[in-house]
């Protein structure tokens, strides 16, 4: 459906001669909010209050490098020099690359600090979704990562419920497109799910993080099919969809393996199932 709305200015605020863009502002807001949430939970579970701040010092640069490397690998034929490959001023960062790199850094960091990797990533999982939820708003303000054109009936349905600023921002090159915000909504629902698991279920360690991986991957598989800027392994085969399937199957395999080997005998809050079983036997005697 055709449109003529003007997009919002990509600049959030000008600090003297330095513009702060909506994308950068929302990414920083997501990272800061996620950090605060993780810090509060880390303190509750006995980690040092600065643990996640120290971890982010290494994880953030690694995430940026990983996001760019991932993107370049699947767009390699479009670059003529190393300088072009490392230039991110025009975008070109893939979230799967960022997640892979940051989780690897978290694994190495927890090994060095002698802290449970699964404890740390379980704590971090809702924070990751907070960052992704707000980050997609940054993409939306940049008018990127959007889907194909919407129909007249879809426009009428959206127009009943969505404010004008969202409808206007969906107008890209004179045509209304499906917005990036579908993934933001999916992330918000995922945050609720993970918090229910955290505070109401208290599952075994690893379940919250692996649930995050599967939840995000499941939604991303279907949302990716709508996008117009996908990376492709080969023509017709979207990279993010393949990675999503691999991550879902991999998470299920890890859950099964950890349970079969007895590696998940500690609950999220640190309660040992072995000790619980031993105490019950003593009470019966």
C-alpha atoms as a PDB file:
ATOM      1  CA  UNK A   1       0.000   0.000   0.000  1.00  0.00           C
ATOM      2  CA  UNK A   2       1.370   3.381  -1.000  1.00  0.00           C
ATOM      3  CA  UNK A   3       2.034   6.213   1.453  1.00  0.00           C
ATOM      4  CA  UNK A   4       3.642   9.639   1.673  1.00  0.00           C
ATOM      5  CA  UNK A   5       4.446  10.009   5.384  1.00  0.00           C
ATOM      6  CA  UNK A   6       7.758  11.547   6.356  1.00  0.00           C
ATOM      7  CA  UNK A   7       9.963   9.351   8.591  1.00  0.00           C
ATOM      8  CA  UNK A   8      11.134  10.570  11.958  1.00  0.00           C
ATOM      9  CA  UNK A   9      14.555  12.141  12.237  1.00  0.00           C
ATOM     10  CA  UNK A  10      17.140   9.453  13.001  1.00  0.00           C
ATOM     11  CA  UNK A  11      18.807  11.860  15.459  1.00  0.00           C
ATOM     12  CA  UNK A  12      17.495  11.607  19.005  1.00  0.00           C
ATOM     13  CA  UNK A  13      19.377  14.635  20.327  1.00  0.00           C
ATOM     14  CA  UNK A  14      22.327  16.816  19.367  1.00  0.00           C
ATOM     15  CA  UNK A  15      25.013  17.244  22.019  1.00  0.00           C
ATOM     16  CA  UNK A  16      26.718  20.258  20.528  1.00  0.00           C
ATOM     17  CA  UNK A  17      28.276  19.108  17.253  1.00  0.00           C
ATOM     18  CA  UNK A  18      27.740  15.439  18.131  1.00  0.00           C
ATOM     19  CA  UNK A  19      24.435  13.824  17.127  1.00  0.00           C
ATOM     20  CA  UNK A  20      23.045  10.982  19.230  1.00  0.00           C
ATOM     21  CA  UNK A  21      20.959   8.720  17.031  1.00  0.00           C
ATOM     22  CA  UNK A  22      17.818   6.906  18.131  1.00  0.00           C
ATOM     23  CA  UNK A  23      19.475   3.603  17.289  1.00  0.00           C
ATOM     24  CA  UNK A  24      22.491   4.233  19.507  1.00  0.00           C
ATOM     25  CA  UNK A  25      20.372   5.680  22.303  1.00  0.00           C
ATOM     26  CA  UNK A  26      17.993   2.696  22.362  1.00  0.00           C
ATOM     27  CA  UNK A  27      20.845   0.176  22.200  1.00  0.00           C
ATOM     28  CA  UNK A  28      22.501   1.894  25.173  1.00  0.00           C
ATOM     29  CA  UNK A  29      19.172   2.064  27.028  1.00  0.00           C
ATOM     30  CA  UNK A  30      18.634  -1.658  26.447  1.00  0.00           C
ATOM     31  CA  UNK A  31      22.143  -2.510  27.623  1.00  0.00           C
ATOM     32  CA  UNK A  32      21.836  -0.328  30.732  1.00  0.00           C
ATOM     33  CA  UNK A  33      18.381  -1.648  31.650  1.00  0.00           C
ATOM     34  CA  UNK A  34      19.508  -5.223  31.124  1.00  0.00           C
ATOM     35  CA  UNK A  35      22.588  -4.613  33.261  1.00  0.00           C
ATOM     36  CA  UNK A  36      20.549  -3.201  36.141  1.00  0.00           C
ATOM     37  CA  UNK A  37      18.156  -6.161  36.045  1.00  0.00           C
ATOM     38  CA  UNK A  38      21.055  -8.640  35.933  1.00  0.00           C
ATOM     39  CA  UNK A  39      22.921  -6.888  38.756  1.00  0.00           C
ATOM     40  CA  UNK A  40      19.911  -6.999  41.062  1.00  0.00           C
ATOM     41  CA  UNK A  41      19.411 -10.697  40.429  1.00  0.00           C
ATOM     42  CA  UNK A  42      23.122 -11.448  40.715  1.00  0.00           C
ATOM     43  CA  UNK A  43      23.185  -9.822  44.144  1.00  0.00           C
ATOM     44  CA  UNK A  44      20.168 -11.898  45.215  1.00  0.00           C
ATOM     45  CA  UNK A  45      21.943 -15.088  44.177  1.00  0.00           C
ATOM     46  CA  UNK A  46      25.244 -14.243  45.840  1.00  0.00           C
ATOM     47  CA  UNK A  47      27.386 -12.922  42.982  1.00  0.00           C
ATOM     48  CA  UNK A  48      29.511  -9.823  43.447  1.00  0.00           C
ATOM     49  CA  UNK A  49      27.586  -6.653  42.585  1.00  0.00           C
ATOM     50  CA  UNK A  50      30.126  -5.683  39.906  1.00  0.00           C
ATOM     51  CA  UNK A  51      30.339  -9.117  38.286  1.00  0.00           C
ATOM     52  CA  UNK A  52      28.225  -8.236  35.252  1.00  0.00           C
ATOM     53  CA  UNK A  53      29.863  -4.822  34.826  1.00  0.00           C
ATOM     54  CA  UNK A  54      33.260  -6.526  34.640  1.00  0.00           C
ATOM     55  CA  UNK A  55      31.883  -9.150  32.251  1.00  0.00           C
ATOM     56  CA  UNK A  56      30.419  -6.508  29.929  1.00  0.00           C
ATOM     57  CA  UNK A  57      33.834  -4.849  29.580  1.00  0.00           C
ATOM     58  CA  UNK A  58      34.852  -7.920  27.576  1.00  0.00           C
ATOM     59  CA  UNK A  59      31.470  -9.044  26.232  1.00  0.00           C
ATOM     60  CA  UNK A  60      30.431  -5.811  24.497  1.00  0.00           C
ATOM     61  CA  UNK A  61      33.534  -5.467  22.263  1.00  0.00           C
ATOM     62  CA  UNK A  62      33.351  -9.195  21.525  1.00  0.00           C
ATOM     63  CA  UNK A  63      29.657  -8.875  20.603  1.00  0.00           C
ATOM     64  CA  UNK A  64      30.368  -6.032  18.161  1.00  0.00           C
ATOM     65  CA  UNK A  65      33.240  -7.934  16.551  1.00  0.00           C
ATOM     66  CA  UNK A  66      31.190 -11.136  16.410  1.00  0.00           C
ATOM     67  CA  UNK A  67      28.171  -9.354  14.936  1.00  0.00           C
ATOM     68  CA  UNK A  68      30.305  -7.812  12.189  1.00  0.00           C
ATOM     69  CA  UNK A  69      32.256 -10.976  11.431  1.00  0.00           C
ATOM     70  CA  UNK A  70      29.040 -12.977  11.113  1.00  0.00           C
ATOM     71  CA  UNK A  71      27.568 -10.398   8.718  1.00  0.00           C
ATOM     72  CA  UNK A  72      30.709 -10.153   6.600  1.00  0.00           C
ATOM     73  CA  UNK A  73      31.068 -13.936   6.296  1.00  0.00           C
ATOM     74  CA  UNK A  74      27.665 -14.191   4.635  1.00  0.00           C
ATOM     75  CA  UNK A  75      28.164 -11.035   2.547  1.00  0.00           C
ATOM     76  CA  UNK A  76      31.821 -11.611   1.746  1.00  0.00           C
ATOM     77  CA  UNK A  77      31.481 -11.132  -2.019  1.00  0.00           C
ATOM     78  CA  UNK A  78      30.231  -7.559  -1.502  1.00  0.00           C
ATOM     79  CA  UNK A  79      33.478  -6.298   0.061  1.00  0.00           C
ATOM     80  CA  UNK A  80      36.590  -5.257  -1.827  1.00  0.00           C
ATOM     81  CA  UNK A  81      38.917  -4.474   1.065  1.00  0.00           C
ATOM     82  CA  UNK A  82      39.559  -5.070   4.756  1.00  0.00           C
ATOM     83  CA  UNK A  83      38.619  -1.454   5.495  1.00  0.00           C
ATOM     84  CA  UNK A  84      35.165  -2.005   4.047  1.00  0.00           C
ATOM     85  CA  UNK A  85      34.753  -5.148   6.118  1.00  0.00           C
ATOM     86  CA  UNK A  86      35.410  -3.363   9.412  1.00  0.00           C
ATOM     87  CA  UNK A  87      33.445  -0.208   8.578  1.00  0.00           C
ATOM     88  CA  UNK A  88      30.138  -0.415  10.488  1.00  0.00           C
ATOM     89  CA  UNK A  89      29.018   3.166   9.942  1.00  0.00           C
ATOM     90  CA  UNK A  90      26.449   2.033   7.381  1.00  0.00           C
ATOM     91  CA  UNK A  91      25.208  -0.883   9.479  1.00  0.00           C
ATOM     92  CA  UNK A  92      25.879  -4.545   8.911  1.00  0.00           C
ATOM     93  CA  UNK A  93      25.725  -6.153  12.368  1.00  0.00           C
ATOM     94  CA  UNK A  94      24.038  -9.523  12.893  1.00  0.00           C
ATOM     95  CA  UNK A  95      22.571 -10.373  16.280  1.00  0.00           C
ATOM     96  CA  UNK A  96      23.368 -14.085  16.000  1.00  0.00           C
ATOM     97  CA  UNK A  97      27.055 -13.237  15.684  1.00  0.00           C
ATOM     98  CA  UNK A  98      26.836 -10.948  18.708  1.00  0.00           C
ATOM     99  CA  UNK A  99      25.160 -13.644  20.816  1.00  0.00           C
ATOM    100  CA  UNK A 100      27.639 -16.355  19.839  1.00  0.00           C
ATOM    101  CA  UNK A 101      30.621 -14.138  20.642  1.00  0.00           C
ATOM    102  CA  UNK A 102      29.247 -12.809  23.935  1.00  0.00           C
ATOM    103  CA  UNK A 103      28.252 -16.282  25.187  1.00  0.00           C
ATOM    104  CA  UNK A 104      31.738 -17.572  24.347  1.00  0.00           C
ATOM    105  CA  UNK A 105      33.284 -14.698  26.311  1.00  0.00           C
ATOM    106  CA  UNK A 106      30.919 -15.399  29.220  1.00  0.00           C
ATOM    107  CA  UNK A 107      32.007 -19.042  29.222  1.00  0.00           C
ATOM    108  CA  UNK A 108      35.703 -18.141  29.313  1.00  0.00           C
ATOM    109  CA  UNK A 109      35.149 -15.429  31.932  1.00  0.00           C
ATOM    110  CA  UNK A 110      33.184 -17.700  34.269  1.00  0.00           C
ATOM    111  CA  UNK A 111      35.877 -20.355  33.972  1.00  0.00           C
ATOM    112  CA  UNK A 112      38.499 -17.816  34.952  1.00  0.00           C
ATOM    113  CA  UNK A 113      36.436 -16.557  37.896  1.00  0.00           C
ATOM    114  CA  UNK A 114      35.414 -20.089  38.925  1.00  0.00           C
ATOM    115  CA  UNK A 115      31.721 -19.220  38.731  1.00  0.00           C
ATOM    116  CA  UNK A 116      28.993 -21.447  37.300  1.00  0.00           C
ATOM    117  CA  UNK A 117      28.509 -20.610  33.613  1.00  0.00           C
ATOM    118  CA  UNK A 118      24.886 -21.778  33.728  1.00  0.00           C
ATOM    119  CA  UNK A 119      24.156 -19.632  36.767  1.00  0.00           C
ATOM    120  CA  UNK A 120      25.469 -16.552  34.979  1.00  0.00           C
ATOM    121  CA  UNK A 121      23.680 -17.097  31.648  1.00  0.00           C
ATOM    122  CA  UNK A 122      20.422 -17.964  33.427  1.00  0.00           C
ATOM    123  CA  UNK A 123      20.631 -14.629  35.232  1.00  0.00           C
ATOM    124  CA  UNK A 124      21.514 -12.821  32.008  1.00  0.00           C
ATOM    125  CA  UNK A 125      18.808 -14.366  29.785  1.00  0.00           C
ATOM    126  CA  UNK A 126      15.969 -11.888  30.552  1.00  0.00           C
ATOM    127  CA  UNK A 127      18.438  -9.017  30.220  1.00  0.00           C
ATOM    128  CA  UNK A 128      19.435 -10.208  26.756  1.00  0.00           C
ATOM    129  CA  UNK A 129      15.796 -10.108  25.691  1.00  0.00           C
ATOM    130  CA  UNK A 130      15.413  -6.619  27.189  1.00  0.00           C
ATOM    131  CA  UNK A 131      18.322  -5.455  25.049  1.00  0.00           C
ATOM    132  CA  UNK A 132      16.887  -7.142  21.958  1.00  0.00           C
ATOM    133  CA  UNK A 133      13.410  -5.718  22.594  1.00  0.00           C
ATOM    134  CA  UNK A 134      14.687  -2.135  22.779  1.00  0.00           C
ATOM    135  CA  UNK A 135      17.262  -2.687  20.054  1.00  0.00           C
ATOM    136  CA  UNK A 136      14.524  -3.565  17.569  1.00  0.00           C
ATOM    137  CA  UNK A 137      12.962  -0.190  18.282  1.00  0.00           C
ATOM    138  CA  UNK A 138      16.304   1.263  17.213  1.00  0.00           C
ATOM    139  CA  UNK A 139      16.033  -0.662  13.933  1.00  0.00           C
ATOM    140  CA  UNK A 140      12.477   0.607  13.573  1.00  0.00           C
ATOM    141  CA  UNK A 141      13.563   4.221  13.985  1.00  0.00           C
ATOM    142  CA  UNK A 142      16.246   3.599  11.351  1.00  0.00           C
ATOM    143  CA  UNK A 143      13.629   2.076   9.026  1.00  0.00           C
ATOM    144  CA  UNK A 144      15.637  -1.111   8.636  1.00  0.00           C
ATOM    145  CA  UNK A 145      15.106  -4.854   9.116  1.00  0.00           C
ATOM    146  CA  UNK A 146      11.484  -4.419   8.025  1.00  0.00           C
ATOM    147  CA  UNK A 147       9.215  -6.871   6.217  1.00  0.00           C
ATOM    148  CA  UNK A 148       7.490  -6.732   2.876  1.00  0.00           C
ATOM    149  CA  UNK A 149       4.620  -4.398   1.900  1.00  0.00           C
ATOM    150  CA  UNK A 150       1.359  -4.722   3.822  1.00  0.00           C
ATOM    151  CA  UNK A 151      -2.063  -5.155   2.261  1.00  0.00           C
ATOM    152  CA  UNK A 152      -4.969  -2.716   2.438  1.00  0.00           C
ATOM    153  CA  UNK A 153      -6.777  -4.913   5.001  1.00  0.00           C
ATOM    154  CA  UNK A 154      -3.656  -5.152   7.184  1.00  0.00           C
ATOM    155  CA  UNK A 155      -3.252  -1.388   7.011  1.00  0.00           C
ATOM    156  CA  UNK A 156      -6.833  -0.874   8.168  1.00  0.00           C
ATOM    157  CA  UNK A 157      -6.344  -3.313  11.054  1.00  0.00           C
ATOM    158  CA  UNK A 158      -3.108  -1.632  12.162  1.00  0.00           C
ATOM    159  CA  UNK A 159      -4.529   1.858  11.780  1.00  0.00           C
ATOM    160  CA  UNK A 160      -7.260   1.099  14.323  1.00  0.00           C
ATOM    161  CA  UNK A 161      -4.809   0.311  17.101  1.00  0.00           C
ATOM    162  CA  UNK A 162      -1.404   1.815  16.331  1.00  0.00           C
ATOM    163  CA  UNK A 163      -0.490   5.479  16.910  1.00  0.00           C
ATOM    164  CA  UNK A 164       0.358   7.685  13.942  1.00  0.00           C
ATOM    165  CA  UNK A 165       4.088   7.817  14.690  1.00  0.00           C
ATOM    166  CA  UNK A 166       4.339   4.036  14.237  1.00  0.00           C
ATOM    167  CA  UNK A 167       2.231   4.072  11.074  1.00  0.00           C
ATOM    168  CA  UNK A 168       4.350   6.910   9.655  1.00  0.00           C
ATOM    169  CA  UNK A 169       7.581   5.066  10.397  1.00  0.00           C
ATOM    170  CA  UNK A 170       6.234   1.998   8.579  1.00  0.00           C
ATOM    171  CA  UNK A 171       6.177   4.087   5.394  1.00  0.00           C
ATOM    172  CA  UNK A 172       9.436   3.207   3.610  1.00  0.00           C
ATOM    173  CA  UNK A 173      10.160   4.536   0.113  1.00  0.00           C
ATOM    174  CA  UNK A 174       6.495   5.367  -0.395  1.00  0.00           C
ATOM    175  CA  UNK A 175       5.107   1.970   0.676  1.00  0.00           C
ATOM    176  CA  UNK A 176       3.836   0.703   4.050  1.00  0.00           C
ATOM    177  CA  UNK A 177       5.920  -2.251   5.244  1.00  0.00           C
ATOM    178  CA  UNK A 178       5.595  -4.798   8.037  1.00  0.00           C
ATOM    179  CA  UNK A 179       7.563  -3.332  10.976  1.00  0.00           C
ATOM    180  CA  UNK A 180      10.576  -4.662  12.858  1.00  0.00           C
ATOM    181  CA  UNK A 181       8.500  -4.378  16.015  1.00  0.00           C
ATOM    182  CA  UNK A 182       7.056  -7.875  15.652  1.00  0.00           C
ATOM    183  CA  UNK A 183      10.306  -9.172  17.088  1.00  0.00           C
ATOM    184  CA  UNK A 184      10.197  -6.579  19.845  1.00  0.00           C
ATOM    185  CA  UNK A 185       6.762  -7.823  20.913  1.00  0.00           C
ATOM    186  CA  UNK A 186       7.991 -11.436  20.779  1.00  0.00           C
ATOM    187  CA  UNK A 187      10.934 -10.483  23.000  1.00  0.00           C
ATOM    188  CA  UNK A 188       8.618  -8.792  25.503  1.00  0.00           C
ATOM    189  CA  UNK A 189       6.522 -11.971  25.771  1.00  0.00           C
ATOM    190  CA  UNK A 190       9.755 -13.929  26.209  1.00  0.00           C
ATOM    191  CA  UNK A 191      10.803 -11.700  29.107  1.00  0.00           C
ATOM    192  CA  UNK A 192       7.521 -12.492  30.879  1.00  0.00           C
ATOM    193  CA  UNK A 193       8.056 -16.215  30.276  1.00  0.00           C
ATOM    194  CA  UNK A 194      11.605 -16.163  31.644  1.00  0.00           C
ATOM    195  CA  UNK A 195      10.594 -14.177  34.733  1.00  0.00           C
ATOM    196  CA  UNK A 196       7.816 -16.685  35.442  1.00  0.00           C
ATOM    197  CA  UNK A 197      10.378 -19.486  35.163  1.00  0.00           C
ATOM    198  CA  UNK A 198      12.735 -17.559  37.446  1.00  0.00           C
ATOM    199  CA  UNK A 199      10.380 -16.602  40.258  1.00  0.00           C
ATOM    200  CA  UNK A 200       7.523 -19.097  40.054  1.00  0.00           C
ATOM    201  CA  UNK A 201       9.064 -22.321  38.757  1.00  0.00           C
ATOM    202  CA  UNK A 202      12.712 -22.196  39.924  1.00  0.00           C
ATOM    203  CA  UNK A 203      13.825 -24.778  37.310  1.00  0.00           C
ATOM    204  CA  UNK A 204      17.127 -26.583  37.074  1.00  0.00           C
ATOM    205  CA  UNK A 205      20.149 -24.533  36.081  1.00  0.00           C
ATOM    206  CA  UNK A 206      20.449 -24.014  32.356  1.00  0.00           C
ATOM    207  CA  UNK A 207      16.715 -24.243  31.677  1.00  0.00           C
ATOM    208  CA  UNK A 208      16.128 -20.482  31.691  1.00  0.00           C
ATOM    209  CA  UNK A 209      18.975 -19.683  29.307  1.00  0.00           C
ATOM    210  CA  UNK A 210      18.175 -22.545  26.940  1.00  0.00           C
ATOM    211  CA  UNK A 211      14.501 -21.544  27.034  1.00  0.00           C
ATOM    212  CA  UNK A 212      15.602 -18.063  25.985  1.00  0.00           C
ATOM    213  CA  UNK A 213      17.589 -19.492  23.072  1.00  0.00           C
ATOM    214  CA  UNK A 214      14.657 -21.612  21.912  1.00  0.00           C
ATOM    215  CA  UNK A 215      12.058 -18.859  22.405  1.00  0.00           C
ATOM    216  CA  UNK A 216      14.045 -16.288  20.474  1.00  0.00           C
ATOM    217  CA  UNK A 217      14.972 -18.761  17.730  1.00  0.00           C
ATOM    218  CA  UNK A 218      11.393 -19.956  17.269  1.00  0.00           C
ATOM    219  CA  UNK A 219      10.104 -16.399  16.817  1.00  0.00           C
ATOM    220  CA  UNK A 220      13.038 -15.353  14.674  1.00  0.00           C
ATOM    221  CA  UNK A 221      12.451 -18.268  12.283  1.00  0.00           C
ATOM    222  CA  UNK A 222       9.000 -16.997  11.339  1.00  0.00           C
ATOM    223  CA  UNK A 223       9.750 -13.268  11.528  1.00  0.00           C
ATOM    224  CA  UNK A 224      12.832 -13.728   9.333  1.00  0.00           C
ATOM    225  CA  UNK A 225      10.614 -15.088   6.554  1.00  0.00           C
ATOM    226  CA  UNK A 226       8.953 -11.662   6.369  1.00  0.00           C
ATOM    227  CA  UNK A 227      12.126  -9.594   6.124  1.00  0.00           C
ATOM    228  CA  UNK A 228      13.481  -8.033   2.962  1.00  0.00           C
ATOM    229  CA  UNK A 229      17.135  -7.759   4.042  1.00  0.00           C
ATOM    230  CA  UNK A 230      17.945 -11.350   5.014  1.00  0.00           C
ATOM    231  CA  UNK A 231      21.383 -12.912   4.725  1.00  0.00           C
ATOM    232  CA  UNK A 232      21.411 -16.101   2.655  1.00  0.00           C
ATOM    233  CA  UNK A 233      23.610 -19.179   2.874  1.00  0.00           C
ATOM    234  CA  UNK A 234      22.579 -19.984  -0.690  1.00  0.00           C
ATOM    235  CA  UNK A 235      19.776 -18.406  -2.738  1.00  0.00           C
ATOM    236  CA  UNK A 236      16.462 -19.254  -1.116  1.00  0.00           C
ATOM    237  CA  UNK A 237      17.979 -20.446   2.176  1.00  0.00           C
ATOM    238  CA  UNK A 238      17.980 -17.720   4.832  1.00  0.00           C
ATOM    239  CA  UNK A 239      20.900 -17.861   7.231  1.00  0.00           C
ATOM    240  CA  UNK A 240      18.932 -16.778  10.328  1.00  0.00           C
ATOM    241  CA  UNK A 241      16.318 -19.479   9.769  1.00  0.00           C
ATOM    242  CA  UNK A 242      18.940 -22.205   9.479  1.00  0.00           C
ATOM    243  CA  UNK A 243      20.744 -20.926  12.590  1.00  0.00           C
ATOM    244  CA  UNK A 244      17.416 -20.768  14.456  1.00  0.00           C
ATOM    245  CA  UNK A 245      16.682 -24.436  13.719  1.00  0.00           C
ATOM    246  CA  UNK A 246      20.224 -25.410  14.746  1.00  0.00           C
ATOM    247  CA  UNK A 247      19.909 -23.472  18.019  1.00  0.00           C
ATOM    248  CA  UNK A 248      16.536 -25.010  18.895  1.00  0.00           C
ATOM    249  CA  UNK A 249      17.737 -28.552  18.223  1.00  0.00           C
ATOM    250  CA  UNK A 250      21.049 -27.841  19.954  1.00  0.00           C
ATOM    251  CA  UNK A 251      19.291 -26.470  23.051  1.00  0.00           C
ATOM    252  CA  UNK A 252      17.040 -29.519  23.282  1.00  0.00           C
ATOM    253  CA  UNK A 253      20.084 -31.777  22.931  1.00  0.00           C
ATOM    254  CA  UNK A 254      21.957 -29.903  25.686  1.00  0.00           C
ATOM    255  CA  UNK A 255      18.924 -30.093  28.004  1.00  0.00           C
ATOM    256  CA  UNK A 256      18.682 -33.839  27.448  1.00  0.00           C
ATOM    257  CA  UNK A 257      22.423 -34.402  27.834  1.00  0.00           C
ATOM    258  CA  UNK A 258      22.701 -32.375  31.049  1.00  0.00           C
ATOM    259  CA  UNK A 259      19.742 -34.192  32.563  1.00  0.00           C
ATOM    260  CA  UNK A 260      20.948 -37.638  31.500  1.00  0.00           C
ATOM    261  CA  UNK A 261      24.426 -37.037  32.920  1.00  0.00           C
ATOM    262  CA  UNK A 262      23.109 -35.462  36.112  1.00  0.00           C
ATOM    263  CA  UNK A 263      24.761 -32.099  35.415  1.00  0.00           C
ATOM    264  CA  UNK A 264      21.534 -30.220  36.179  1.00  0.00           C
ATOM    265  CA  UNK A 265      21.230 -31.296  39.826  1.00  0.00           C
ATOM    266  CA  UNK A 266      21.167 -27.681  41.027  1.00  0.00           C
ATOM    267  CA  UNK A 267      18.100 -25.450  40.810  1.00  0.00           C
ATOM    268  CA  UNK A 268      18.211 -21.908  39.481  1.00  0.00           C
ATOM    269  CA  UNK A 269      18.417 -20.394  42.961  1.00  0.00           C
ATOM    270  CA  UNK A 270      21.351 -22.646  43.911  1.00  0.00           C
ATOM    271  CA  UNK A 271      19.435 -25.312  45.812  1.00  0.00           C
ATOM    272  CA  UNK A 272      21.102 -28.697  45.413  1.00  0.00           C
ATOM    273  CA  UNK A 273      18.714 -31.488  44.460  1.00  0.00           C
ATOM    274  CA  UNK A 274      21.153 -34.043  45.865  1.00  0.00           C
ATOM    275  CA  UNK A 275      21.101 -32.369  49.270  1.00  0.00           C
ATOM    276  CA  UNK A 276      17.320 -32.117  49.115  1.00  0.00           C
ATOM    277  CA  UNK A 277      17.084 -35.840  48.443  1.00  0.00           C
ATOM    278  CA  UNK A 278      19.557 -36.620  51.239  1.00  0.00           C
ATOM    279  CA  UNK A 279      17.616 -34.484  53.719  1.00  0.00           C
ATOM    280  CA  UNK A 280      14.352 -36.200  52.814  1.00  0.00           C
ATOM    281  CA  UNK A 281      15.897 -39.621  53.413  1.00  0.00           C
ATOM    282  CA  UNK A 282      17.153 -38.488  56.821  1.00  0.00           C
ATOM    283  CA  UNK A 283      13.704 -37.210  57.785  1.00  0.00           C
ATOM    284  CA  UNK A 284      12.109 -40.519  56.786  1.00  0.00           C
ATOM    285  CA  UNK A 285      14.557 -42.391  59.038  1.00  0.00           C
END
